[in-house]
Amino acid sequence: MNQKSFITLFTAVGVIGALFGSAYAFFGLGILPVSGDVLISWGNGVYGSTLIGFSILILFTGRHAFKQGDTKLMKALLYGTWAWLIIEASFSLFYGVFFNFGVDILLMALFGYPLIRGIRNR
């Protein structure tokens, strides 16, 4: 993948994440194949808005890092997103929300692959 492909990927993931976060904030766990017993109702809005913010952060910082060839920012994005997702995945396992654990692993791969490639190509 080249730089333009990475920018396109980060843009797509950022937009999709923000849209999913919006749907999640309004409709809660009803849109996911998981039990709603582990979250309290107001948590839907909090979790959804967090996903929106995270996605927009990835959208803008990821695009900037690849456009500028900024490996320090790429490393910060890699370490920050992986730290967050590892912690979130751990809590998902603890509470038995296995679907979210799978999503966290998928996100680690989606964010990690282009960032690691971008870091190595500089």
C-alpha atoms as a PDB file:
ATOM      1  CA  MET A   1       0.000   0.000   0.000  1.00  0.00           C
ATOM      2  CA  ASN A   2       1.200   3.494  -0.763  1.00  0.00           C
ATOM      3  CA  GLN A   3       0.748   6.735   1.174  1.00  0.00           C
ATOM      4  CA  LYS A   4      -2.476   7.640  -0.650  1.00  0.00           C
ATOM      5  CA  SER A   5      -3.951   4.216   0.191  1.00  0.00           C
ATOM      6  CA  PHE A   6      -3.117   4.685   3.884  1.00  0.00           C
ATOM      7  CA  ILE A   7      -4.748   8.130   3.883  1.00  0.00           C
ATOM      8  CA  THR A   8      -7.846   6.670   2.212  1.00  0.00           C
ATOM      9  CA  LEU A   9      -7.949   3.822   4.760  1.00  0.00           C
ATOM     10  CA  PHE A  10      -7.681   6.182   7.747  1.00  0.00           C
ATOM     11  CA  THR A  11     -10.352   8.423   6.239  1.00  0.00           C
ATOM     12  CA  ALA A  12     -12.735   5.510   5.673  1.00  0.00           C
ATOM     13  CA  VAL A  13     -12.153   4.023   9.133  1.00  0.00           C
ATOM     14  CA  GLY A  14     -12.608   7.443  10.741  1.00  0.00           C
ATOM     15  CA  VAL A  15     -15.883   8.159   8.953  1.00  0.00           C
ATOM     16  CA  ILE A  16     -17.294   4.653   9.499  1.00  0.00           C
ATOM     17  CA  GLY A  17     -16.298   4.750  13.171  1.00  0.00           C
ATOM     18  CA  ALA A  18     -17.937   8.127  13.690  1.00  0.00           C
ATOM     19  CA  LEU A  19     -21.142   6.955  11.983  1.00  0.00           C
ATOM     20  CA  PHE A  20     -21.210   3.730  13.998  1.00  0.00           C
ATOM     21  CA  GLY A  21     -20.534   5.694  17.197  1.00  0.00           C
ATOM     22  CA  SER A  22     -23.439   7.981  16.372  1.00  0.00           C
ATOM     23  CA  ALA A  23     -25.781   5.031  15.818  1.00  0.00           C
ATOM     24  CA  TYR A  24     -24.535   3.384  18.992  1.00  0.00           C
ATOM     25  CA  ALA A  25     -25.010   6.591  21.003  1.00  0.00           C
ATOM     26  CA  PHE A  26     -28.664   6.794  19.972  1.00  0.00           C
ATOM     27  CA  PHE A  27     -29.708   3.136  19.734  1.00  0.00           C
ATOM     28  CA  GLY A  28     -27.357   1.462  22.204  1.00  0.00           C
ATOM     29  CA  LEU A  29     -26.701  -2.233  22.272  1.00  0.00           C
ATOM     30  CA  GLY A  30     -29.851  -2.872  20.239  1.00  0.00           C
ATOM     31  CA  ILE A  31     -27.712  -2.618  17.104  1.00  0.00           C
ATOM     32  CA  LEU A  32     -25.147  -5.200  18.286  1.00  0.00           C
ATOM     33  CA  PRO A  33     -25.374  -8.961  18.790  1.00  0.00           C
ATOM     34  CA  VAL A  34     -24.511  -8.743  22.514  1.00  0.00           C
ATOM     35  CA  SER A  35     -26.380  -8.755  25.804  1.00  0.00           C
ATOM     36  CA  GLY A  36     -27.305  -5.313  27.091  1.00  0.00           C
ATOM     37  CA  ASP A  37     -27.133  -6.480  30.707  1.00  0.00           C
ATOM     38  CA  VAL A  38     -23.522  -5.372  31.144  1.00  0.00           C
ATOM     39  CA  LEU A  39     -24.068  -1.687  30.415  1.00  0.00           C
ATOM     40  CA  ILE A  40     -26.298   0.880  32.027  1.00  0.00           C
ATOM     41  CA  SER A  41     -28.514   2.923  29.752  1.00  0.00           C
ATOM     42  CA  TRP A  42     -26.661   6.220  29.893  1.00  0.00           C
ATOM     43  CA  GLY A  43     -23.430   4.383  29.062  1.00  0.00           C
ATOM     44  CA  ASN A  44     -24.640   4.100  25.473  1.00  0.00           C
ATOM     45  CA  GLY A  45     -24.308   7.830  24.925  1.00  0.00           C
ATOM     46  CA  VAL A  46     -20.974   8.000  26.698  1.00  0.00           C
ATOM     47  CA  TYR A  47     -19.514   5.060  24.804  1.00  0.00           C
ATOM     48  CA  GLY A  48     -20.919   6.240  21.471  1.00  0.00           C
ATOM     49  CA  SER A  49     -19.599   9.759  21.881  1.00  0.00           C
ATOM     50  CA  THR A  50     -16.203   8.378  22.898  1.00  0.00           C
ATOM     51  CA  LEU A  51     -16.118   6.325  19.694  1.00  0.00           C
ATOM     52  CA  ILE A  52     -17.082   9.399  17.675  1.00  0.00           C
ATOM     53  CA  GLY A  53     -14.260  11.421  19.225  1.00  0.00           C
ATOM     54  CA  PHE A  54     -11.757   8.590  18.811  1.00  0.00           C
ATOM     55  CA  SER A  55     -12.718   8.146  15.161  1.00  0.00           C
ATOM     56  CA  ILE A  56     -12.437  11.845  14.380  1.00  0.00           C
ATOM     57  CA  LEU A  57      -9.069  11.958  16.155  1.00  0.00           C
ATOM     58  CA  ILE A  58      -7.844   9.047  14.031  1.00  0.00           C
ATOM     59  CA  LEU A  59      -9.279  10.662  10.900  1.00  0.00           C
ATOM     60  CA  PHE A  60      -7.385  13.925  11.287  1.00  0.00           C
ATOM     61  CA  THR A  61      -4.174  12.801  12.971  1.00  0.00           C
ATOM     62  CA  GLY A  62      -3.773   9.723  10.758  1.00  0.00           C
ATOM     63  CA  ARG A  63      -4.217  11.755   7.591  1.00  0.00           C
ATOM     64  CA  HIS A  64      -1.777  14.385   8.850  1.00  0.00           C
ATOM     65  CA  ALA A  65       0.843  11.816   9.883  1.00  0.00           C
ATOM     66  CA  PHE A  66       0.843  10.159   6.466  1.00  0.00           C
ATOM     67  CA  LYS A  67       0.677  13.409   4.482  1.00  0.00           C
ATOM     68  CA  GLN A  68       3.638  14.842   6.399  1.00  0.00           C
ATOM     69  CA  GLY A  69       5.539  11.559   6.748  1.00  0.00           C
ATOM     70  CA  ASP A  70       5.626  12.166  10.511  1.00  0.00           C
ATOM     71  CA  THR A  71       6.909   8.912  12.028  1.00  0.00           C
ATOM     72  CA  LYS A  72       6.807  10.318  15.567  1.00  0.00           C
ATOM     73  CA  LEU A  73       3.091  10.976  15.218  1.00  0.00           C
ATOM     74  CA  MET A  74       2.604   7.538  13.630  1.00  0.00           C
ATOM     75  CA  LYS A  75       4.328   5.944  16.635  1.00  0.00           C
ATOM     76  CA  ALA A  76       2.208   7.979  19.052  1.00  0.00           C
ATOM     77  CA  LEU A  77      -0.941   6.868  17.219  1.00  0.00           C
ATOM     78  CA  LEU A  78       0.199   3.246  17.231  1.00  0.00           C
ATOM     79  CA  TYR A  79       1.136   3.148  20.921  1.00  0.00           C
ATOM     80  CA  GLY A  80      -1.889   5.188  22.010  1.00  0.00           C
ATOM     81  CA  THR A  81      -4.503   3.253  20.061  1.00  0.00           C
ATOM     82  CA  TRP A  82      -3.033  -0.112  20.991  1.00  0.00           C
ATOM     83  CA  ALA A  83      -2.817   0.797  24.682  1.00  0.00           C
ATOM     84  CA  TRP A  84      -6.445   1.904  24.642  1.00  0.00           C
ATOM     85  CA  LEU A  85      -7.658  -1.126  22.683  1.00  0.00           C
ATOM     86  CA  ILE A  86      -5.710  -3.630  24.804  1.00  0.00           C
ATOM     87  CA  ILE A  87      -7.243  -2.175  27.961  1.00  0.00           C
ATOM     88  CA  GLU A  88     -10.719  -2.098  26.419  1.00  0.00           C
ATOM     89  CA  ALA A  89     -10.351  -5.661  25.112  1.00  0.00           C
ATOM     90  CA  SER A  90      -9.290  -6.811  28.569  1.00  0.00           C
ATOM     91  CA  PHE A  91     -12.409  -5.324  30.135  1.00  0.00           C
ATOM     92  CA  SER A  92     -14.518  -6.825  27.353  1.00  0.00           C
ATOM     93  CA  LEU A  93     -13.155 -10.266  28.224  1.00  0.00           C
ATOM     94  CA  PHE A  94     -13.687  -9.623  31.939  1.00  0.00           C
ATOM     95  CA  TYR A  95     -17.343  -8.705  31.386  1.00  0.00           C
ATOM     96  CA  GLY A  96     -17.898 -11.400  28.777  1.00  0.00           C
ATOM     97  CA  VAL A  97     -18.534  -9.043  25.847  1.00  0.00           C
ATOM     98  CA  PHE A  98     -16.713 -11.231  23.345  1.00  0.00           C
ATOM     99  CA  PHE A  99     -18.065  -9.417  20.294  1.00  0.00           C
ATOM    100  CA  ASN A 100     -16.367  -6.201  21.424  1.00  0.00           C
ATOM    101  CA  PHE A 101     -13.152  -8.097  22.134  1.00  0.00           C
ATOM    102  CA  GLY A 102     -13.168  -9.199  18.481  1.00  0.00           C
ATOM    103  CA  VAL A 103     -13.836  -5.646  17.322  1.00  0.00           C
ATOM    104  CA  ASP A 104     -10.883  -4.406  19.408  1.00  0.00           C
ATOM    105  CA  ILE A 105      -8.562  -6.989  17.833  1.00  0.00           C
ATOM    106  CA  LEU A 106      -9.814  -6.025  14.366  1.00  0.00           C
ATOM    107  CA  LEU A 107      -9.229  -2.332  15.099  1.00  0.00           C
ATOM    108  CA  MET A 108      -5.710  -3.074  16.338  1.00  0.00           C
ATOM    109  CA  ALA A 109      -4.990  -4.726  12.993  1.00  0.00           C
ATOM    110  CA  LEU A 110      -6.698  -1.973  10.942  1.00  0.00           C
ATOM    111  CA  PHE A 111      -4.780   0.801  12.708  1.00  0.00           C
ATOM    112  CA  GLY A 112      -1.581  -1.113  13.343  1.00  0.00           C
ATOM    113  CA  TYR A 113      -0.841  -2.377   9.858  1.00  0.00           C
ATOM    114  CA  PRO A 114      -0.678   0.975   8.041  1.00  0.00           C
ATOM    115  CA  LEU A 115       1.060   2.679  10.970  1.00  0.00           C
ATOM    116  CA  ILE A 116       3.759   0.013  11.235  1.00  0.00           C
ATOM    117  CA  ARG A 117       4.248   0.083   7.460  1.00  0.00           C
ATOM    118  CA  GLY A 118       4.374   3.883   7.483  1.00  0.00           C
ATOM    119  CA  ILE A 119       6.946   3.890  10.289  1.00  0.00           C
ATOM    120  CA  ARG A 120       9.127   1.293   8.547  1.00  0.00           C
ATOM    121  CA  ASN A 121       8.970   3.052   5.167  1.00  0.00           C
ATOM    122  CA  ARG A 122      10.518   6.264   6.535  1.00  0.00           C
END
